[in-house]
Amino acid sequence: MKYRSRSDITTVILESTRAGATKTKIMYNAYLSYTQLVGYLEYLQQNDLLELEKGTHLYRPTEKGLEFLNLSDKLSKMATVTNSS
């Protein structure tokens, strides 16, 4: 597996939580160990990108997290080089 940056992993985590996700689902979608997952979840919650729903125990992105995903998508599209002849 190639090296992934913190922002790449953040994008995968936020994307996998759009409809609500448990720790296990996030861990498998992002290919993280449990220890790594806990660190990322803490980091994302501290930076108001992700929140835990009290009753359901599902993680969901906040408005700021959704904005991060939108900007990440735009940057990805800008960085994509097209071959036009």
PDB file of N, CA and C in Angstrom:
ATOM      1  N   MET A   1       0.843  -1.184   0.000  1.00  0.00           N
ATOM      2  CA  MET A   1       0.000   0.000   0.000  1.00  0.00           C
ATOM      3  C   MET A   1       0.882   1.239   0.000  1.00  0.00           C
ATOM      4  N   LYS A   2       0.492   2.232  -0.785  1.00  0.00           N
ATOM      5  CA  LYS A   2       1.279   3.457  -0.861  1.00  0.00           C
ATOM      6  C   LYS A   2       1.068   4.320   0.375  1.00  0.00           C
ATOM      7  N   TYR A   3       1.992   5.232   0.585  1.00  0.00           N
ATOM      8  CA  TYR A   3       1.900   6.157   1.704  1.00  0.00           C
ATOM      9  C   TYR A   3       0.679   7.051   1.539  1.00  0.00           C
ATOM     10  N   ARG A   4      -0.068   7.233   2.615  1.00  0.00           N
ATOM     11  CA  ARG A   4      -1.227   8.125   2.606  1.00  0.00           C
ATOM     12  C   ARG A   4      -0.992   9.261   3.590  1.00  0.00           C
ATOM     13  N   SER A   5      -1.313  10.458   3.167  1.00  0.00           N
ATOM     14  CA  SER A   5      -1.142  11.615   4.039  1.00  0.00           C
ATOM     15  C   SER A   5      -2.288  11.679   5.049  1.00  0.00           C
ATOM     16  N   ARG A   6      -2.100  12.511   6.035  1.00  0.00           N
ATOM     17  CA  ARG A   6      -3.132  12.696   7.065  1.00  0.00           C
ATOM     18  C   ARG A   6      -4.424  13.203   6.431  1.00  0.00           C
ATOM     19  N   SER A   7      -4.309  14.091   5.441  1.00  0.00           N
ATOM     20  CA  SER A   7      -5.517  14.611   4.790  1.00  0.00           C
ATOM     21  C   SER A   7      -6.199  13.538   3.949  1.00  0.00           C
ATOM     22  N   ASP A   8      -5.433  12.627   3.339  1.00  0.00           N
ATOM     23  CA  ASP A   8      -6.027  11.516   2.589  1.00  0.00           C
ATOM     24  C   ASP A   8      -6.844  10.619   3.516  1.00  0.00           C
ATOM     25  N   ILE A   9      -6.275  10.286   4.656  1.00  0.00           N
ATOM     26  CA  ILE A   9      -6.961   9.429   5.622  1.00  0.00           C
ATOM     27  C   ILE A   9      -8.180  10.144   6.203  1.00  0.00           C
ATOM     28  N   THR A  10      -8.041  11.437   6.475  1.00  0.00           N
ATOM     29  CA  THR A  10      -9.160  12.238   6.973  1.00  0.00           C
ATOM     30  C   THR A  10     -10.311  12.223   5.975  1.00  0.00           C
ATOM     31  N   THR A  11      -9.994  12.363   4.699  1.00  0.00           N
ATOM     32  CA  THR A  11     -11.022  12.347   3.656  1.00  0.00           C
ATOM     33  C   THR A  11     -11.743  11.002   3.617  1.00  0.00           C
ATOM     34  N   VAL A  12     -10.994   9.908   3.698  1.00  0.00           N
ATOM     35  CA  VAL A  12     -11.602   8.581   3.680  1.00  0.00           C
ATOM     36  C   VAL A  12     -12.515   8.388   4.892  1.00  0.00           C
ATOM     37  N   ILE A  13     -12.067   8.823   6.050  1.00  0.00           N
ATOM     38  CA  ILE A  13     -12.876   8.678   7.268  1.00  0.00           C
ATOM     39  C   ILE A  13     -14.162   9.492   7.156  1.00  0.00           C
ATOM     40  N   LEU A  14     -14.042  10.745   6.753  1.00  0.00           N
ATOM     41  CA  LEU A  14     -15.228  11.594   6.650  1.00  0.00           C
ATOM     42  C   LEU A  14     -16.189  11.074   5.583  1.00  0.00           C
ATOM     43  N   GLU A  15     -15.652  10.594   4.477  1.00  0.00           N
ATOM     44  CA  GLU A  15     -16.495  10.045   3.415  1.00  0.00           C
ATOM     45  C   GLU A  15     -17.259   8.817   3.912  1.00  0.00           C
ATOM     46  N   SER A  16     -16.601   7.979   4.686  1.00  0.00           N
ATOM     47  CA  SER A  16     -17.251   6.759   5.160  1.00  0.00           C
ATOM     48  C   SER A  16     -18.288   7.029   6.249  1.00  0.00           C
ATOM     49  N   THR A  17     -18.279   8.229   6.812  1.00  0.00           N
ATOM     50  CA  THR A  17     -19.245   8.555   7.868  1.00  0.00           C
ATOM     51  C   THR A  17     -20.407   9.410   7.380  1.00  0.00           C
ATOM     52  N   ARG A  18     -20.469   9.702   6.108  1.00  0.00           N
ATOM     53  CA  ARG A  18     -21.550  10.563   5.579  1.00  0.00           C
ATOM     54  C   ARG A  18     -22.937  10.091   6.016  1.00  0.00           C
ATOM     55  N   ALA A  19     -23.186   8.798   5.940  1.00  0.00           N
ATOM     56  CA  ALA A  19     -24.501   8.255   6.308  1.00  0.00           C
ATOM     57  C   ALA A  19     -24.517   7.730   7.737  1.00  0.00           C
ATOM     58  N   GLY A  20     -23.453   7.972   8.474  1.00  0.00           N
ATOM     59  CA  GLY A  20     -23.330   7.461   9.825  1.00  0.00           C
ATOM     60  C   GLY A  20     -22.579   6.144   9.806  1.00  0.00           C
ATOM     61  N   ALA A  21     -21.611   5.993  10.686  1.00  0.00           N
ATOM     62  CA  ALA A  21     -20.799   4.778  10.698  1.00  0.00           C
ATOM     63  C   ALA A  21     -20.275   4.495  12.094  1.00  0.00           C
ATOM     64  N   THR A  22     -20.123   3.207  12.379  1.00  0.00           N
ATOM     65  CA  THR A  22     -19.539   2.776  13.650  1.00  0.00           C
ATOM     66  C   THR A  22     -18.013   2.788  13.524  1.00  0.00           C
ATOM     67  N   LYS A  23     -17.347   2.638  14.655  1.00  0.00           N
ATOM     68  CA  LYS A  23     -15.881   2.573  14.641  1.00  0.00           C
ATOM     69  C   LYS A  23     -15.395   1.447  13.738  1.00  0.00           C
ATOM     70  N   THR A  24     -16.048   0.298  13.816  1.00  0.00           N
ATOM     71  CA  THR A  24     -15.624  -0.865  13.034  1.00  0.00           C
ATOM     72  C   THR A  24     -15.710  -0.579  11.534  1.00  0.00           C
ATOM     73  N   LYS A  25     -16.822   0.010  11.107  1.00  0.00           N
ATOM     74  CA  LYS A  25     -16.997   0.319   9.691  1.00  0.00           C
ATOM     75  C   LYS A  25     -15.933   1.309   9.219  1.00  0.00           C
ATOM     76  N   ILE A  26     -15.679   2.333  10.012  1.00  0.00           N
ATOM     77  CA  ILE A  26     -14.668   3.334   9.659  1.00  0.00           C
ATOM     78  C   ILE A  26     -13.293   2.684   9.570  1.00  0.00           C
ATOM     79  N   MET A  27     -12.988   1.843  10.552  1.00  0.00           N
ATOM     80  CA  MET A  27     -11.685   1.176  10.604  1.00  0.00           C
ATOM     81  C   MET A  27     -11.445   0.355   9.340  1.00  0.00           C
ATOM     82  N   TYR A  28     -12.436  -0.409   8.910  1.00  0.00           N
ATOM     83  CA  TYR A  28     -12.285  -1.242   7.715  1.00  0.00           C
ATOM     84  C   TYR A  28     -12.263  -0.414   6.434  1.00  0.00           C
ATOM     85  N   ASN A  29     -13.083   0.615   6.354  1.00  0.00           N
ATOM     86  CA  ASN A  29     -13.099   1.465   5.152  1.00  0.00           C
ATOM     87  C   ASN A  29     -11.790   2.223   4.964  1.00  0.00           C
ATOM     88  N   ALA A  30     -11.192   2.658   6.070  1.00  0.00           N
ATOM     89  CA  ALA A  30      -9.972   3.460   6.002  1.00  0.00           C
ATOM     90  C   ALA A  30      -8.693   2.627   6.109  1.00  0.00           C
ATOM     91  N   TYR A  31      -8.835   1.298   6.281  1.00  0.00           N
ATOM     92  CA  TYR A  31      -7.676   0.413   6.438  1.00  0.00           C
ATOM     93  C   TYR A  31      -6.749   0.895   7.550  1.00  0.00           C
ATOM     94  N   LEU A  32      -7.321   1.086   8.737  1.00  0.00           N
ATOM     95  CA  LEU A  32      -6.564   1.543   9.903  1.00  0.00           C
ATOM     96  C   LEU A  32      -6.620   0.500  11.003  1.00  0.00           C
ATOM     97  N   SER A  33      -5.584   0.483  11.835  1.00  0.00           N
ATOM     98  CA  SER A  33      -5.632  -0.349  13.032  1.00  0.00           C
ATOM     99  C   SER A  33      -6.528   0.364  14.047  1.00  0.00           C
ATOM    100  N   TYR A  34      -6.917  -0.357  15.079  1.00  0.00           N
ATOM    101  CA  TYR A  34      -7.783   0.249  16.091  1.00  0.00           C
ATOM    102  C   TYR A  34      -7.086   1.431  16.766  1.00  0.00           C
ATOM    103  N   THR A  35      -5.807   1.280  17.051  1.00  0.00           N
ATOM    104  CA  THR A  35      -5.041   2.354  17.698  1.00  0.00           C
ATOM    105  C   THR A  35      -4.994   3.594  16.812  1.00  0.00           C
ATOM    106  N   GLN A  36      -4.744   3.402  15.517  1.00  0.00           N
ATOM    107  CA  GLN A  36      -4.725   4.530  14.587  1.00  0.00           C
ATOM    108  C   GLN A  36      -6.099   5.183  14.513  1.00  0.00           C
ATOM    109  N   LEU A  37      -7.136   4.353  14.449  1.00  0.00           N
ATOM    110  CA  LEU A  37      -8.499   4.860  14.348  1.00  0.00           C
ATOM    111  C   LEU A  37      -8.840   5.756  15.527  1.00  0.00           C
ATOM    112  N   VAL A  38      -8.551   5.294  16.723  1.00  0.00           N
ATOM    113  CA  VAL A  38      -8.859   6.071  17.929  1.00  0.00           C
ATOM    114  C   VAL A  38      -8.160   7.435  17.870  1.00  0.00           C
ATOM    115  N   GLY A  39      -6.914   7.452  17.424  1.00  0.00           N
ATOM    116  CA  GLY A  39      -6.172   8.707  17.300  1.00  0.00           C
ATOM    117  C   GLY A  39      -6.816   9.652  16.294  1.00  0.00           C
ATOM    118  N   TYR A  40      -7.211   9.119  15.148  1.00  0.00           N
ATOM    119  CA  TYR A  40      -7.851   9.948  14.133  1.00  0.00           C
ATOM    120  C   TYR A  40      -9.217  10.450  14.582  1.00  0.00           C
ATOM    121  N   LEU A  41     -10.009   9.598  15.213  1.00  0.00           N
ATOM    122  CA  LEU A  41     -11.319  10.030  15.681  1.00  0.00           C
ATOM    123  C   LEU A  41     -11.193  11.165  16.702  1.00  0.00           C
ATOM    124  N   GLU A  42     -10.236  11.028  17.595  1.00  0.00           N
ATOM    125  CA  GLU A  42      -9.993  12.074  18.594  1.00  0.00           C
ATOM    126  C   GLU A  42      -9.582  13.374  17.907  1.00  0.00           C
ATOM    127  N   TYR A  43      -8.653  13.275  16.952  1.00  0.00           N
ATOM    128  CA  TYR A  43      -8.159  14.437  16.207  1.00  0.00           C
ATOM    129  C   TYR A  43      -9.309  15.124  15.459  1.00  0.00           C
ATOM    130  N   LEU A  44     -10.149  14.340  14.776  1.00  0.00           N
ATOM    131  CA  LEU A  44     -11.249  14.905  13.991  1.00  0.00           C
ATOM    132  C   LEU A  44     -12.324  15.531  14.876  1.00  0.00           C
ATOM    133  N   GLN A  45     -12.581  14.937  16.025  1.00  0.00           N
ATOM    134  CA  GLN A  45     -13.564  15.511  16.948  1.00  0.00           C
ATOM    135  C   GLN A  45     -13.036  16.798  17.582  1.00  0.00           C
ATOM    136  N   GLN A  46     -11.767  16.826  17.929  1.00  0.00           N
ATOM    137  CA  GLN A  46     -11.178  18.035  18.518  1.00  0.00           C
ATOM    138  C   GLN A  46     -11.196  19.201  17.544  1.00  0.00           C
ATOM    139  N   ASN A  47     -11.094  18.893  16.248  1.00  0.00           N
ATOM    140  CA  ASN A  47     -11.081  19.936  15.218  1.00  0.00           C
ATOM    141  C   ASN A  47     -12.465  20.168  14.606  1.00  0.00           C
ATOM    142  N   ASP A  48     -13.500  19.650  15.256  1.00  0.00           N
ATOM    143  CA  ASP A  48     -14.894  19.867  14.876  1.00  0.00           C
ATOM    144  C   ASP A  48     -15.190  19.441  13.437  1.00  0.00           C
ATOM    145  N   LEU A  49     -14.598  18.317  13.017  1.00  0.00           N
ATOM    146  CA  LEU A  49     -14.871  17.766  11.697  1.00  0.00           C
ATOM    147  C   LEU A  49     -15.788  16.552  11.778  1.00  0.00           C
ATOM    148  N   LEU A  50     -15.861  15.949  12.956  1.00  0.00           N
ATOM    149  CA  LEU A  50     -16.612  14.718  13.149  1.00  0.00           C
ATOM    150  C   LEU A  50     -17.288  14.757  14.508  1.00  0.00           C
ATOM    151  N   GLU A  51     -18.497  14.177  14.572  1.00  0.00           N
ATOM    152  CA  GLU A  51     -19.202  14.126  15.851  1.00  0.00           C
ATOM    153  C   GLU A  51     -19.776  12.731  16.066  1.00  0.00           C
ATOM    154  N   LEU A  52     -19.936  12.380  17.319  1.00  0.00           N
ATOM    155  CA  LEU A  52     -20.511  11.091  17.705  1.00  0.00           C
ATOM    156  C   LEU A  52     -21.933  11.335  18.175  1.00  0.00           C
ATOM    157  N   GLU A  53     -22.896  10.659  17.543  1.00  0.00           N
ATOM    158  CA  GLU A  53     -24.293  10.772  17.973  1.00  0.00           C
ATOM    159  C   GLU A  53     -24.465   9.980  19.256  1.00  0.00           C
ATOM    160  N   LYS A  54     -25.028  10.609  20.249  1.00  0.00           N
ATOM    161  CA  LYS A  54     -25.146   9.988  21.573  1.00  0.00           C
ATOM    162  C   LYS A  54     -25.997   8.723  21.571  1.00  0.00           C
ATOM    163  N   GLY A  55     -27.191   8.765  21.039  1.00  0.00           N
ATOM    164  CA  GLY A  55     -28.108   7.623  21.115  1.00  0.00           C
ATOM    165  C   GLY A  55     -27.713   6.442  20.249  1.00  0.00           C
ATOM    166  N   THR A  56     -27.196   6.721  19.059  1.00  0.00           N
ATOM    167  CA  THR A  56     -26.918   5.643  18.102  1.00  0.00           C
ATOM    168  C   THR A  56     -25.462   5.183  18.101  1.00  0.00           C
ATOM    169  N   HIS A  57     -24.580   5.976  18.673  1.00  0.00           N
ATOM    170  CA  HIS A  57     -23.139   5.699  18.674  1.00  0.00           C
ATOM    171  C   HIS A  57     -22.575   5.632  17.258  1.00  0.00           C
ATOM    172  N   LEU A  58     -23.160   6.448  16.374  1.00  0.00           N
ATOM    173  CA  LEU A  58     -22.654   6.546  15.010  1.00  0.00           C
ATOM    174  C   LEU A  58     -21.886   7.851  14.851  1.00  0.00           C
ATOM    175  N   TYR A  59     -20.810   7.795  14.095  1.00  0.00           N
ATOM    176  CA  TYR A  59     -20.033   8.989  13.786  1.00  0.00           C
ATOM    177  C   TYR A  59     -20.578   9.601  12.510  1.00  0.00           C
ATOM    178  N   ARG A  60     -20.675  10.935  12.499  1.00  0.00           N
ATOM    179  CA  ARG A  60     -21.134  11.673  11.330  1.00  0.00           C
ATOM    180  C   ARG A  60     -20.288  12.934  11.175  1.00  0.00           C
ATOM    181  N   PRO A  61     -20.064  13.365   9.931  1.00  0.00           N
ATOM    182  CA  PRO A  61     -19.312  14.607   9.738  1.00  0.00           C
ATOM    183  C   PRO A  61     -20.139  15.821  10.154  1.00  0.00           C
ATOM    184  N   THR A  62     -19.480  16.819  10.665  1.00  0.00           N
ATOM    185  CA  THR A  62     -20.135  18.081  11.008  1.00  0.00           C
ATOM    186  C   THR A  62     -20.220  18.923   9.733  1.00  0.00           C
ATOM    187  N   GLU A  63     -20.796  20.112   9.837  1.00  0.00           N
ATOM    188  CA  GLU A  63     -20.831  21.024   8.684  1.00  0.00           C
ATOM    189  C   GLU A  63     -19.409  21.329   8.215  1.00  0.00           C
ATOM    190  N   LYS A  64     -18.524  21.547   9.179  1.00  0.00           N
ATOM    191  CA  LYS A  64     -17.118  21.811   8.844  1.00  0.00           C
ATOM    192  C   LYS A  64     -16.494  20.594   8.161  1.00  0.00           C
ATOM    193  N   GLY A  65     -16.859  19.397   8.589  1.00  0.00           N
ATOM    194  CA  GLY A  65     -16.357  18.175   7.973  1.00  0.00           C
ATOM    195  C   GLY A  65     -16.856  18.019   6.554  1.00  0.00           C
ATOM    196  N   LEU A  66     -18.121  18.353   6.315  1.00  0.00           N
ATOM    197  CA  LEU A  66     -18.679  18.296   4.966  1.00  0.00           C
ATOM    198  C   LEU A  66     -18.011  19.327   4.054  1.00  0.00           C
ATOM    199  N   GLU A  67     -17.697  20.485   4.610  1.00  0.00           N
ATOM    200  CA  GLU A  67     -16.981  21.511   3.841  1.00  0.00           C
ATOM    201  C   GLU A  67     -15.576  21.019   3.485  1.00  0.00           C
ATOM    202  N   PHE A  68     -14.927  20.342   4.421  1.00  0.00           N
ATOM    203  CA  PHE A  68     -13.614  19.753   4.166  1.00  0.00           C
ATOM    204  C   PHE A  68     -13.697  18.765   2.999  1.00  0.00           C
ATOM    205  N   LEU A  69     -14.724  17.907   3.009  1.00  0.00           N
ATOM    206  CA  LEU A  69     -14.907  16.935   1.926  1.00  0.00           C
ATOM    207  C   LEU A  69     -15.122  17.628   0.588  1.00  0.00           C
ATOM    208  N   ASN A  70     -15.919  18.676   0.588  1.00  0.00           N
ATOM    209  CA  ASN A  70     -16.189  19.424  -0.634  1.00  0.00           C
ATOM    210  C   ASN A  70     -14.907  20.043  -1.188  1.00  0.00           C
ATOM    211  N   LEU A  71     -14.125  20.663  -0.327  1.00  0.00           N
ATOM    212  CA  LEU A  71     -12.866  21.275  -0.761  1.00  0.00           C
ATOM    213  C   LEU A  71     -11.857  20.219  -1.212  1.00  0.00           C
ATOM    214  N   SER A  72     -11.836  19.098  -0.523  1.00  0.00           N
ATOM    215  CA  SER A  72     -10.942  18.006  -0.897  1.00  0.00           C
ATOM    216  C   SER A  72     -11.284  17.485  -2.290  1.00  0.00           C
ATOM    217  N   ASP A  73     -12.577  17.369  -2.564  1.00  0.00           N
ATOM    218  CA  ASP A  73     -13.030  16.912  -3.877  1.00  0.00           C
ATOM    219  C   ASP A  73     -12.632  17.900  -4.966  1.00  0.00           C
ATOM    220  N   LYS A  74     -12.800  19.195  -4.693  1.00  0.00           N
ATOM    221  CA  LYS A  74     -12.415  20.228  -5.661  1.00  0.00           C
ATOM    222  C   LYS A  74     -10.919  20.186  -5.940  1.00  0.00           C
ATOM    223  N   LEU A  75     -10.109  20.055  -4.889  1.00  0.00           N
ATOM    224  CA  LEU A  75      -8.655  19.980  -5.070  1.00  0.00           C
ATOM    225  C   LEU A  75      -8.255  18.743  -5.870  1.00  0.00           C
ATOM    226  N   SER A  76      -8.911  17.658  -5.604  1.00  0.00           N
ATOM    227  CA  SER A  76      -8.630  16.420  -6.324  1.00  0.00           C
ATOM    228  C   SER A  76      -8.929  16.585  -7.812  1.00  0.00           C
ATOM    229  N   LYS A  77     -10.053  17.228  -8.121  1.00  0.00           N
ATOM    230  CA  LYS A  77     -10.416  17.454  -9.514  1.00  0.00           C
ATOM    231  C   LYS A  77      -9.449  18.412 -10.194  1.00  0.00           C
ATOM    232  N   MET A  78      -8.983  19.417  -9.471  1.00  0.00           N
ATOM    233  CA  MET A  78      -8.032  20.380 -10.031  1.00  0.00           C
ATOM    234  C   MET A  78      -6.689  19.727 -10.312  1.00  0.00           C
ATOM    235  N   ALA A  79      -6.316  18.779  -9.483  1.00  0.00           N
ATOM    236  CA  ALA A  79      -5.014  18.125  -9.612  1.00  0.00           C
ATOM    237  C   ALA A  79      -4.999  17.045 -10.679  1.00  0.00           C
ATOM    238  N   THR A  80      -6.177  16.642 -11.113  1.00  0.00           N
ATOM    239  CA  THR A  80      -6.263  15.593 -12.130  1.00  0.00           C
ATOM    240  C   THR A  80      -5.868  16.191 -13.480  1.00  0.00           C
ATOM    241  N   VAL A  81      -4.878  15.563 -14.084  1.00  0.00           N
ATOM    242  CA  VAL A  81      -4.408  16.018 -15.386  1.00  0.00           C
ATOM    243  C   VAL A  81      -5.153  15.247 -16.460  1.00  0.00           C
ATOM    244  N   THR A  82      -5.705  15.979 -17.389  1.00  0.00           N
ATOM    245  CA  THR A  82      -6.402  15.325 -18.502  1.00  0.00           C
ATOM    246  C   THR A  82      -5.523  15.361 -19.740  1.00  0.00           C
ATOM    247  N   ASN A  83      -5.601  14.313 -20.514  1.00  0.00           N
ATOM    248  CA  ASN A  83      -4.852  14.230 -21.764  1.00  0.00           C
ATOM    249  C   ASN A  83      -5.738  14.673 -22.900  1.00  0.00           C
ATOM    250  N   SER A  84      -5.548  15.897 -23.338  1.00  0.00           N
ATOM    251  CA  SER A  84      -6.318  16.373 -24.476  1.00  0.00           C
ATOM    252  C   SER A  84      -5.351  16.634 -25.625  1.00  0.00           C
ATOM    253  N   SER A  85      -5.661  16.045 -26.750  1.00  0.00           N
ATOM    254  CA  SER A  85      -4.776  16.149 -27.916  1.00  0.00           C
ATOM    255  C   SER A  85      -5.308  17.117 -28.926  1.00  0.00           C
TER     256      SER A  85
END
